[in-house]
């Protein structure tokens, strides 16, 4: 066993070095500057049921103590991810954790149902900072009853793990 190998939720990772969701796109974007297979995992940029263009420019502002961003969850949608991005990452020797979001429980569930058939996806990260349109725009993560319902529904069919 490698000294850096770790196991979380029954998944063995070659090391604890992961890129945070969105910071490395979908793994493809960093491949020209770093050997992605050396990472323990890539947590993808968010994926939604349908493509999203994100917020208009400018999206990033420098502040005296860092920077603020408001990308708006731009992404190609789960189907385009599978058709265009997945073929490029499928042979990279590391785990991929899909960051998933939606505006309704049904959207989260549909995205994960689609991803369940993607062998390279080892786990899901639920982005619950999105507004729940059926609950008047309240953020999923702000309402423990809504969050529990979402997690229970997904766990009832998902083979992959939640992190």
N, C-alpha and C. Protein backbone atom coordinates (compact mmCIF):
# COMPACT_ATOMS: atom_id res chain seq x y z
N UNK A 1 0.84 -1.20 0.00
CA UNK A 1 0.00 0.00 0.00
C UNK A 1 0.88 1.25 0.00
N UNK A 2 0.54 2.18 -0.86
CA UNK A 2 1.24 3.46 -0.94
C UNK A 2 1.00 4.23 0.36
N UNK A 3 2.03 4.93 0.84
CA UNK A 3 1.92 5.67 2.10
C UNK A 3 0.85 6.75 2.06
N UNK A 4 0.55 7.27 0.90
CA UNK A 4 -0.43 8.36 0.81
C UNK A 4 -1.84 7.87 0.50
N UNK A 5 -2.00 6.59 0.21
CA UNK A 5 -3.32 6.07 -0.14
C UNK A 5 -4.29 6.25 1.02
N UNK A 6 -5.51 6.65 0.68
CA UNK A 6 -6.56 6.81 1.69
C UNK A 6 -7.82 6.11 1.21
N UNK A 7 -8.68 5.79 2.15
CA UNK A 7 -9.98 5.21 1.80
C UNK A 7 -11.06 6.03 2.48
N UNK A 8 -12.01 6.47 1.68
CA UNK A 8 -13.16 7.22 2.18
C UNK A 8 -14.42 6.60 1.59
N UNK A 9 -15.38 6.29 2.43
CA UNK A 9 -16.66 5.76 1.98
C UNK A 9 -16.51 4.55 1.07
N UNK A 10 -15.50 3.73 1.34
CA UNK A 10 -15.29 2.53 0.55
C UNK A 10 -14.56 2.74 -0.76
N UNK A 11 -14.11 3.95 -1.01
CA UNK A 11 -13.37 4.26 -2.24
C UNK A 11 -11.90 4.45 -1.88
N UNK A 12 -11.01 3.76 -2.58
CA UNK A 12 -9.57 3.93 -2.35
C UNK A 12 -9.04 5.00 -3.29
N UNK A 13 -8.42 6.01 -2.71
CA UNK A 13 -7.80 7.09 -3.47
C UNK A 13 -6.28 6.96 -3.33
N UNK A 14 -5.56 7.19 -4.41
CA UNK A 14 -4.10 7.02 -4.35
C UNK A 14 -3.42 8.03 -3.44
N UNK A 15 -4.09 9.14 -3.18
CA UNK A 15 -3.56 10.14 -2.25
C UNK A 15 -4.69 11.10 -1.88
N UNK A 16 -4.47 11.95 -0.87
CA UNK A 16 -5.52 12.87 -0.44
C UNK A 16 -5.52 14.20 -1.20
N UNK A 17 -4.79 14.29 -2.29
CA UNK A 17 -4.71 15.54 -3.03
C UNK A 17 -5.80 15.55 -4.11
N UNK A 18 -6.78 16.39 -3.88
CA UNK A 18 -7.91 16.55 -4.80
C UNK A 18 -7.98 18.01 -5.21
N UNK A 19 -8.51 18.26 -6.39
CA UNK A 19 -8.79 19.65 -6.75
C UNK A 19 -10.24 19.94 -6.39
N UNK A 20 -10.47 21.11 -5.86
CA UNK A 20 -11.82 21.50 -5.44
C UNK A 20 -12.70 21.72 -6.66
N UNK A 21 -14.00 21.54 -6.46
CA UNK A 21 -14.93 21.66 -7.58
C UNK A 21 -14.79 23.00 -8.28
N UNK A 22 -14.69 22.91 -9.59
CA UNK A 22 -14.60 24.12 -10.40
C UNK A 22 -13.20 24.65 -10.62
N UNK A 23 -12.26 24.32 -9.75
CA UNK A 23 -10.92 24.91 -9.88
C UNK A 23 -10.11 24.30 -11.01
N UNK A 24 -10.48 23.13 -11.47
CA UNK A 24 -9.77 22.44 -12.54
C UNK A 24 -10.73 22.10 -13.67
N UNK A 25 -11.84 22.82 -13.73
CA UNK A 25 -12.84 22.54 -14.75
C UNK A 25 -13.36 21.12 -14.63
N UNK A 26 -13.21 20.36 -15.68
CA UNK A 26 -13.64 18.96 -15.70
C UNK A 26 -12.45 18.01 -15.76
N UNK A 27 -11.25 18.54 -15.55
CA UNK A 27 -10.04 17.73 -15.60
C UNK A 27 -9.27 17.93 -16.89
N UNK A 28 -9.97 18.21 -17.95
CA UNK A 28 -9.35 18.41 -19.26
C UNK A 28 -8.51 19.68 -19.26
N UNK A 29 -9.05 20.72 -18.64
CA UNK A 29 -8.44 22.04 -18.70
C UNK A 29 -7.04 22.09 -18.09
N UNK A 30 -6.77 21.27 -17.09
CA UNK A 30 -5.46 21.30 -16.45
C UNK A 30 -4.46 20.32 -17.00
N UNK A 31 -4.89 19.48 -17.92
CA UNK A 31 -4.03 18.40 -18.42
C UNK A 31 -2.77 18.90 -19.13
N UNK A 32 -2.82 20.11 -19.68
CA UNK A 32 -1.64 20.64 -20.37
C UNK A 32 -0.57 21.15 -19.42
N UNK A 33 -0.95 21.38 -18.15
CA UNK A 33 0.01 21.92 -17.20
C UNK A 33 0.37 20.96 -16.07
N UNK A 34 -0.40 19.86 -15.94
CA UNK A 34 -0.17 18.94 -14.85
C UNK A 34 -0.67 17.55 -15.24
N UNK A 35 0.02 16.53 -14.74
CA UNK A 35 -0.40 15.15 -14.98
C UNK A 35 -1.55 14.83 -14.02
N UNK A 36 -2.77 14.90 -14.53
CA UNK A 36 -3.98 14.72 -13.73
C UNK A 36 -3.98 13.37 -13.01
N UNK A 37 -3.37 12.36 -13.61
CA UNK A 37 -3.38 11.03 -13.01
C UNK A 37 -2.61 10.96 -11.69
N UNK A 38 -1.85 11.99 -11.37
CA UNK A 38 -1.15 12.03 -10.08
C UNK A 38 -2.06 12.46 -8.94
N UNK A 39 -3.21 13.02 -9.26
CA UNK A 39 -4.14 13.48 -8.24
C UNK A 39 -4.92 12.31 -7.64
N UNK A 40 -5.36 12.48 -6.40
CA UNK A 40 -6.24 11.49 -5.78
C UNK A 40 -7.62 11.54 -6.39
N UNK A 41 -8.06 12.74 -6.79
CA UNK A 41 -9.37 12.89 -7.42
C UNK A 41 -9.49 14.27 -8.04
N UNK A 42 -10.36 14.35 -9.02
CA UNK A 42 -10.77 15.62 -9.61
C UNK A 42 -12.26 15.78 -9.29
N UNK A 43 -12.59 16.86 -8.60
CA UNK A 43 -13.99 17.18 -8.37
C UNK A 43 -14.36 18.16 -9.47
N UNK A 44 -15.28 17.75 -10.32
CA UNK A 44 -15.59 18.53 -11.51
C UNK A 44 -16.27 19.85 -11.20
N UNK A 45 -16.22 20.69 -12.16
CA UNK A 45 -17.05 21.89 -12.16
C UNK A 45 -18.50 21.41 -12.18
N UNK A 46 -19.42 22.24 -11.74
CA UNK A 46 -20.83 21.85 -11.63
C UNK A 46 -21.44 21.38 -12.94
N UNK A 47 -22.32 20.39 -12.81
CA UNK A 47 -23.07 19.86 -13.95
C UNK A 47 -24.56 19.97 -13.66
N UNK A 48 -25.29 20.46 -14.63
CA UNK A 48 -26.74 20.58 -14.51
C UNK A 48 -27.40 19.77 -15.63
N UNK A 49 -28.71 19.67 -15.55
CA UNK A 49 -29.45 18.91 -16.55
C UNK A 49 -29.32 19.54 -17.94
N UNK A 50 -29.48 20.84 -18.00
CA UNK A 50 -29.37 21.55 -19.28
C UNK A 50 -28.16 22.49 -19.25
N UNK A 51 -27.62 22.85 -20.40
CA UNK A 51 -26.50 23.79 -20.44
C UNK A 51 -26.88 25.13 -19.81
N UNK A 52 -25.90 25.78 -19.21
CA UNK A 52 -26.10 27.12 -18.63
C UNK A 52 -24.99 28.02 -19.13
N UNK A 53 -25.36 29.21 -19.56
CA UNK A 53 -24.37 30.17 -20.04
C UNK A 53 -23.67 30.89 -18.91
N UNK A 54 -24.26 30.92 -17.75
CA UNK A 54 -23.64 31.62 -16.63
C UNK A 54 -23.96 33.10 -16.66
N UNK A 55 -23.33 33.82 -15.78
CA UNK A 55 -23.58 35.26 -15.65
C UNK A 55 -22.84 36.05 -16.73
N UNK A 56 -23.35 37.25 -17.04
CA UNK A 56 -22.63 38.09 -18.01
C UNK A 56 -21.30 38.59 -17.42
N UNK A 57 -20.40 38.99 -18.28
CA UNK A 57 -19.11 39.55 -17.86
C UNK A 57 -19.33 40.93 -17.29
N UNK A 58 -18.52 41.42 -16.40
CA UNK A 58 -17.41 40.73 -15.74
C UNK A 58 -17.92 39.80 -14.64
N UNK A 59 -17.19 38.71 -14.44
CA UNK A 59 -17.58 37.70 -13.45
C UNK A 59 -16.64 37.66 -12.25
N UNK A 60 -15.52 38.29 -12.36
CA UNK A 60 -14.52 38.25 -11.29
C UNK A 60 -14.12 39.68 -10.94
N UNK A 61 -14.00 39.94 -9.64
CA UNK A 61 -13.57 41.26 -9.18
C UNK A 61 -12.54 41.08 -8.08
N UNK A 62 -11.44 41.81 -8.22
CA UNK A 62 -10.41 41.78 -7.19
C UNK A 62 -10.84 42.67 -6.02
N UNK A 63 -10.54 42.23 -4.81
CA UNK A 63 -10.84 43.01 -3.61
C UNK A 63 -9.55 43.18 -2.83
N UNK A 64 -9.51 44.05 -1.83
CA UNK A 64 -8.28 44.21 -1.05
C UNK A 64 -7.83 42.92 -0.36
N UNK A 65 -8.73 41.99 -0.12
CA UNK A 65 -8.34 40.77 0.59
C UNK A 65 -8.58 39.50 -0.23
N UNK A 66 -8.63 39.60 -1.53
CA UNK A 66 -8.82 38.41 -2.36
C UNK A 66 -9.58 38.74 -3.62
N UNK A 67 -10.48 37.87 -3.97
CA UNK A 67 -11.30 38.11 -5.15
C UNK A 67 -12.69 37.53 -4.95
N UNK A 68 -13.63 38.09 -5.67
CA UNK A 68 -15.00 37.61 -5.67
C UNK A 68 -15.30 37.08 -7.06
N UNK A 69 -16.09 36.00 -7.10
CA UNK A 69 -16.50 35.55 -8.43
C UNK A 69 -18.00 35.28 -8.42
N UNK A 70 -18.58 35.43 -9.57
CA UNK A 70 -19.99 35.15 -9.78
C UNK A 70 -20.14 34.57 -11.19
N UNK A 71 -19.65 33.35 -11.33
CA UNK A 71 -19.62 32.71 -12.64
C UNK A 71 -21.03 32.36 -13.11
N UNK A 72 -21.89 31.99 -12.18
CA UNK A 72 -23.26 31.66 -12.55
C UNK A 72 -23.45 30.22 -12.97
N UNK A 73 -22.55 29.35 -12.51
CA UNK A 73 -22.65 27.91 -12.78
C UNK A 73 -22.70 27.56 -14.26
N UNK A 74 -21.90 28.28 -15.05
CA UNK A 74 -21.78 27.99 -16.48
C UNK A 74 -21.32 26.54 -16.65
N UNK A 75 -22.00 25.80 -17.51
CA UNK A 75 -21.60 24.43 -17.80
C UNK A 75 -22.31 23.95 -19.07
N UNK A 76 -21.76 22.90 -19.68
CA UNK A 76 -22.33 22.43 -20.94
C UNK A 76 -23.58 21.57 -20.79
N UNK A 77 -23.93 21.20 -19.56
CA UNK A 77 -25.03 20.26 -19.33
C UNK A 77 -24.50 18.84 -19.30
N UNK A 78 -25.20 17.96 -18.60
CA UNK A 78 -24.71 16.60 -18.38
C UNK A 78 -24.57 15.80 -19.67
N UNK A 79 -25.48 15.96 -20.61
CA UNK A 79 -25.40 15.20 -21.87
C UNK A 79 -24.16 15.59 -22.67
N UNK A 80 -23.89 16.90 -22.76
CA UNK A 80 -22.69 17.35 -23.48
C UNK A 80 -21.42 16.91 -22.76
N UNK A 81 -21.46 16.89 -21.43
CA UNK A 81 -20.32 16.38 -20.66
C UNK A 81 -20.01 14.95 -21.08
N UNK A 82 -21.03 14.12 -21.14
CA UNK A 82 -20.84 12.71 -21.49
C UNK A 82 -20.36 12.55 -22.93
N UNK A 83 -20.89 13.33 -23.85
CA UNK A 83 -20.53 13.18 -25.26
C UNK A 83 -19.19 13.80 -25.63
N UNK A 84 -18.86 14.96 -25.02
CA UNK A 84 -17.67 15.70 -25.46
C UNK A 84 -16.50 15.65 -24.48
N UNK A 85 -16.78 15.70 -23.19
CA UNK A 85 -15.70 15.78 -22.20
C UNK A 85 -15.30 14.40 -21.70
N UNK A 86 -16.28 13.57 -21.41
CA UNK A 86 -15.99 12.25 -20.86
C UNK A 86 -15.03 11.43 -21.72
N UNK A 87 -15.17 11.40 -23.05
CA UNK A 87 -14.21 10.63 -23.84
C UNK A 87 -12.76 11.06 -23.64
N UNK A 88 -12.53 12.30 -23.27
CA UNK A 88 -11.18 12.81 -23.06
C UNK A 88 -10.64 12.41 -21.68
N UNK A 89 -11.51 12.30 -20.68
CA UNK A 89 -11.05 12.00 -19.32
C UNK A 89 -11.17 10.53 -18.92
N UNK A 90 -11.87 9.74 -19.70
CA UNK A 90 -12.19 8.37 -19.29
C UNK A 90 -10.96 7.49 -19.04
N UNK A 91 -9.84 7.79 -19.66
CA UNK A 91 -8.65 6.97 -19.48
C UNK A 91 -7.64 7.56 -18.50
N UNK A 92 -7.98 8.67 -17.87
CA UNK A 92 -7.09 9.27 -16.87
C UNK A 92 -7.18 8.43 -15.60
N UNK A 93 -6.04 8.04 -15.07
CA UNK A 93 -5.99 7.14 -13.92
C UNK A 93 -6.17 7.89 -12.60
N UNK A 94 -7.37 8.36 -12.37
CA UNK A 94 -7.74 8.93 -11.08
C UNK A 94 -9.25 8.91 -10.98
N UNK A 95 -9.76 9.21 -9.80
CA UNK A 95 -11.21 9.26 -9.60
C UNK A 95 -11.75 10.61 -10.02
N UNK A 96 -12.98 10.60 -10.52
CA UNK A 96 -13.70 11.83 -10.82
C UNK A 96 -14.95 11.87 -9.97
N UNK A 97 -15.14 12.99 -9.31
CA UNK A 97 -16.30 13.22 -8.46
C UNK A 97 -17.10 14.32 -9.13
N UNK A 98 -18.34 14.03 -9.47
CA UNK A 98 -19.16 14.99 -10.21
C UNK A 98 -19.87 15.94 -9.25
N UNK A 99 -19.65 17.24 -9.44
CA UNK A 99 -20.40 18.25 -8.73
C UNK A 99 -21.71 18.42 -9.48
N UNK A 100 -22.82 18.23 -8.78
CA UNK A 100 -24.15 18.22 -9.41
C UNK A 100 -25.03 19.29 -8.79
N UNK A 101 -25.81 19.95 -9.62
CA UNK A 101 -26.77 20.92 -9.09
C UNK A 101 -28.02 20.97 -9.95
N UNK A 102 -29.06 21.59 -9.40
CA UNK A 102 -30.31 21.75 -10.11
C UNK A 102 -31.15 22.80 -9.41
N UNK A 103 -32.24 23.14 -10.04
CA UNK A 103 -33.16 24.11 -9.45
C UNK A 103 -34.37 23.43 -8.82
N UNK A 104 -34.48 22.10 -9.03
CA UNK A 104 -35.54 21.30 -8.42
C UNK A 104 -34.92 19.96 -8.02
N UNK A 105 -35.59 19.27 -7.11
CA UNK A 105 -35.14 17.92 -6.76
C UNK A 105 -35.07 17.05 -8.01
N UNK A 106 -36.06 17.19 -8.86
CA UNK A 106 -36.12 16.37 -10.06
C UNK A 106 -34.90 16.57 -10.96
N UNK A 107 -34.41 17.81 -11.04
CA UNK A 107 -33.22 18.06 -11.86
C UNK A 107 -31.99 17.39 -11.28
N UNK A 108 -31.78 17.49 -9.97
CA UNK A 108 -30.66 16.78 -9.34
C UNK A 108 -30.76 15.28 -9.64
N UNK A 109 -31.94 14.74 -9.42
CA UNK A 109 -32.15 13.31 -9.60
C UNK A 109 -31.87 12.89 -11.05
N UNK A 110 -32.35 13.66 -12.01
CA UNK A 110 -32.15 13.32 -13.41
C UNK A 110 -30.66 13.35 -13.79
N UNK A 111 -29.95 14.36 -13.33
CA UNK A 111 -28.50 14.45 -13.63
C UNK A 111 -27.78 13.22 -13.07
N UNK A 112 -28.08 12.88 -11.83
CA UNK A 112 -27.40 11.74 -11.22
C UNK A 112 -27.81 10.43 -11.89
N UNK A 113 -29.05 10.28 -12.27
CA UNK A 113 -29.46 9.07 -12.99
C UNK A 113 -28.67 8.92 -14.29
N UNK A 114 -28.44 10.01 -14.97
CA UNK A 114 -27.65 9.98 -16.21
C UNK A 114 -26.20 9.61 -15.90
N UNK A 115 -25.64 10.18 -14.84
CA UNK A 115 -24.24 9.93 -14.50
C UNK A 115 -24.00 8.54 -13.92
N UNK A 116 -25.03 7.88 -13.44
CA UNK A 116 -24.88 6.54 -12.85
C UNK A 116 -24.29 5.56 -13.85
N UNK A 117 -24.47 5.79 -15.14
CA UNK A 117 -23.95 4.88 -16.16
C UNK A 117 -22.57 5.30 -16.67
N UNK A 118 -21.95 6.27 -16.02
CA UNK A 118 -20.63 6.75 -16.43
C UNK A 118 -19.59 6.13 -15.50
N UNK A 119 -18.83 5.13 -15.98
CA UNK A 119 -17.93 4.36 -15.11
C UNK A 119 -16.88 5.19 -14.35
N UNK A 120 -16.42 6.26 -14.91
CA UNK A 120 -15.34 7.03 -14.29
C UNK A 120 -15.81 7.87 -13.10
N UNK A 121 -17.10 8.11 -12.97
CA UNK A 121 -17.62 8.91 -11.87
C UNK A 121 -17.70 8.03 -10.63
N UNK A 122 -16.90 8.35 -9.61
CA UNK A 122 -16.83 7.53 -8.39
C UNK A 122 -17.79 8.00 -7.31
N UNK A 123 -18.12 9.29 -7.34
CA UNK A 123 -18.94 9.85 -6.27
C UNK A 123 -19.56 11.15 -6.76
N UNK A 124 -20.46 11.69 -5.93
CA UNK A 124 -21.12 12.96 -6.24
C UNK A 124 -20.89 13.97 -5.12
N UNK A 125 -20.75 15.20 -5.53
CA UNK A 125 -20.76 16.33 -4.60
C UNK A 125 -22.00 17.13 -4.96
N UNK A 126 -22.93 17.25 -4.03
CA UNK A 126 -24.15 18.00 -4.30
C UNK A 126 -23.92 19.47 -4.00
N UNK A 127 -24.12 20.30 -5.00
CA UNK A 127 -24.04 21.74 -4.82
C UNK A 127 -25.42 22.19 -4.36
N UNK A 128 -25.57 22.38 -3.07
CA UNK A 128 -26.88 22.73 -2.51
C UNK A 128 -26.99 24.22 -2.22
N UNK A 129 -26.14 25.00 -2.84
CA UNK A 129 -26.22 26.46 -2.68
C UNK A 129 -27.08 27.08 -3.79
N UNK A 130 -27.81 26.24 -4.50
CA UNK A 130 -28.66 26.70 -5.60
C UNK A 130 -30.07 26.99 -5.09
N UNK A 131 -30.74 27.94 -5.73
CA UNK A 131 -32.12 28.24 -5.31
C UNK A 131 -33.10 27.16 -5.76
N UNK A 132 -33.98 26.79 -4.86
CA UNK A 132 -35.02 25.80 -5.13
C UNK A 132 -36.24 26.55 -5.65
N UNK A 133 -36.46 26.50 -6.95
CA UNK A 133 -37.53 27.29 -7.56
C UNK A 133 -38.92 26.88 -7.07
N UNK A 134 -39.09 25.62 -6.68
CA UNK A 134 -40.39 25.16 -6.19
C UNK A 134 -40.66 25.63 -4.75
N UNK A 135 -39.63 26.05 -4.05
CA UNK A 135 -39.79 26.50 -2.66
C UNK A 135 -39.57 28.01 -2.56
N UNK A 136 -39.88 28.74 -3.60
CA UNK A 136 -39.79 30.19 -3.56
C UNK A 136 -38.38 30.74 -3.63
N UNK A 137 -37.44 29.95 -4.10
CA UNK A 137 -36.07 30.43 -4.28
C UNK A 137 -35.16 30.19 -3.09
N UNK A 138 -35.65 29.56 -2.02
CA UNK A 138 -34.79 29.28 -0.87
C UNK A 138 -33.69 28.31 -1.32
N UNK A 139 -32.49 28.52 -0.83
CA UNK A 139 -31.35 27.68 -1.18
C UNK A 139 -31.54 26.29 -0.57
N UNK A 140 -31.31 25.23 -1.35
CA UNK A 140 -31.50 23.86 -0.89
C UNK A 140 -30.81 23.62 0.46
N UNK A 141 -29.59 24.09 0.60
CA UNK A 141 -28.82 23.85 1.81
C UNK A 141 -29.29 24.62 3.03
N UNK A 142 -30.20 25.55 2.87
CA UNK A 142 -30.68 26.34 4.01
C UNK A 142 -31.87 25.71 4.70
N UNK A 143 -32.47 24.74 4.10
CA UNK A 143 -33.65 24.11 4.67
C UNK A 143 -33.35 22.63 4.92
N UNK A 144 -33.13 22.24 6.19
CA UNK A 144 -32.74 20.86 6.47
C UNK A 144 -33.77 19.82 6.03
N UNK A 145 -35.04 20.17 6.03
CA UNK A 145 -36.07 19.23 5.59
C UNK A 145 -35.96 18.99 4.09
N UNK A 146 -35.79 20.06 3.33
CA UNK A 146 -35.64 19.95 1.87
C UNK A 146 -34.34 19.21 1.53
N UNK A 147 -33.27 19.53 2.23
CA UNK A 147 -31.98 18.87 1.97
C UNK A 147 -32.07 17.38 2.27
N UNK A 148 -32.67 17.03 3.38
CA UNK A 148 -32.81 15.61 3.74
C UNK A 148 -33.62 14.87 2.67
N UNK A 149 -34.71 15.48 2.23
CA UNK A 149 -35.54 14.87 1.20
C UNK A 149 -34.73 14.62 -0.07
N UNK A 150 -33.96 15.61 -0.49
CA UNK A 150 -33.13 15.48 -1.69
C UNK A 150 -32.14 14.33 -1.55
N UNK A 151 -31.43 14.30 -0.44
CA UNK A 151 -30.42 13.26 -0.22
C UNK A 151 -31.06 11.88 -0.15
N UNK A 152 -32.16 11.75 0.56
CA UNK A 152 -32.82 10.45 0.67
C UNK A 152 -33.29 9.95 -0.70
N UNK A 153 -33.84 10.82 -1.50
CA UNK A 153 -34.31 10.41 -2.83
C UNK A 153 -33.15 9.95 -3.71
N UNK A 154 -32.05 10.67 -3.66
CA UNK A 154 -30.90 10.30 -4.48
C UNK A 154 -30.27 9.00 -3.97
N UNK A 155 -30.15 8.86 -2.67
CA UNK A 155 -29.56 7.65 -2.10
C UNK A 155 -30.39 6.40 -2.40
N UNK A 156 -31.67 6.57 -2.68
CA UNK A 156 -32.53 5.42 -2.94
C UNK A 156 -32.17 4.71 -4.25
N UNK A 157 -31.46 5.37 -5.15
CA UNK A 157 -31.10 4.73 -6.41
C UNK A 157 -29.62 4.84 -6.77
N UNK A 158 -28.90 5.78 -6.19
CA UNK A 158 -27.51 6.02 -6.59
C UNK A 158 -26.58 4.91 -6.08
N UNK A 159 -25.76 4.39 -6.98
CA UNK A 159 -24.74 3.40 -6.59
C UNK A 159 -23.49 4.10 -6.10
N UNK A 160 -23.22 5.28 -6.66
CA UNK A 160 -22.03 6.01 -6.28
C UNK A 160 -22.24 6.71 -4.94
N UNK A 161 -21.16 7.15 -4.36
CA UNK A 161 -21.17 7.73 -3.02
C UNK A 161 -21.33 9.24 -3.06
N UNK A 162 -21.69 9.80 -1.91
CA UNK A 162 -21.75 11.25 -1.73
C UNK A 162 -20.57 11.65 -0.86
N UNK A 163 -19.94 12.73 -1.21
CA UNK A 163 -18.83 13.24 -0.40
C UNK A 163 -19.14 14.63 0.07
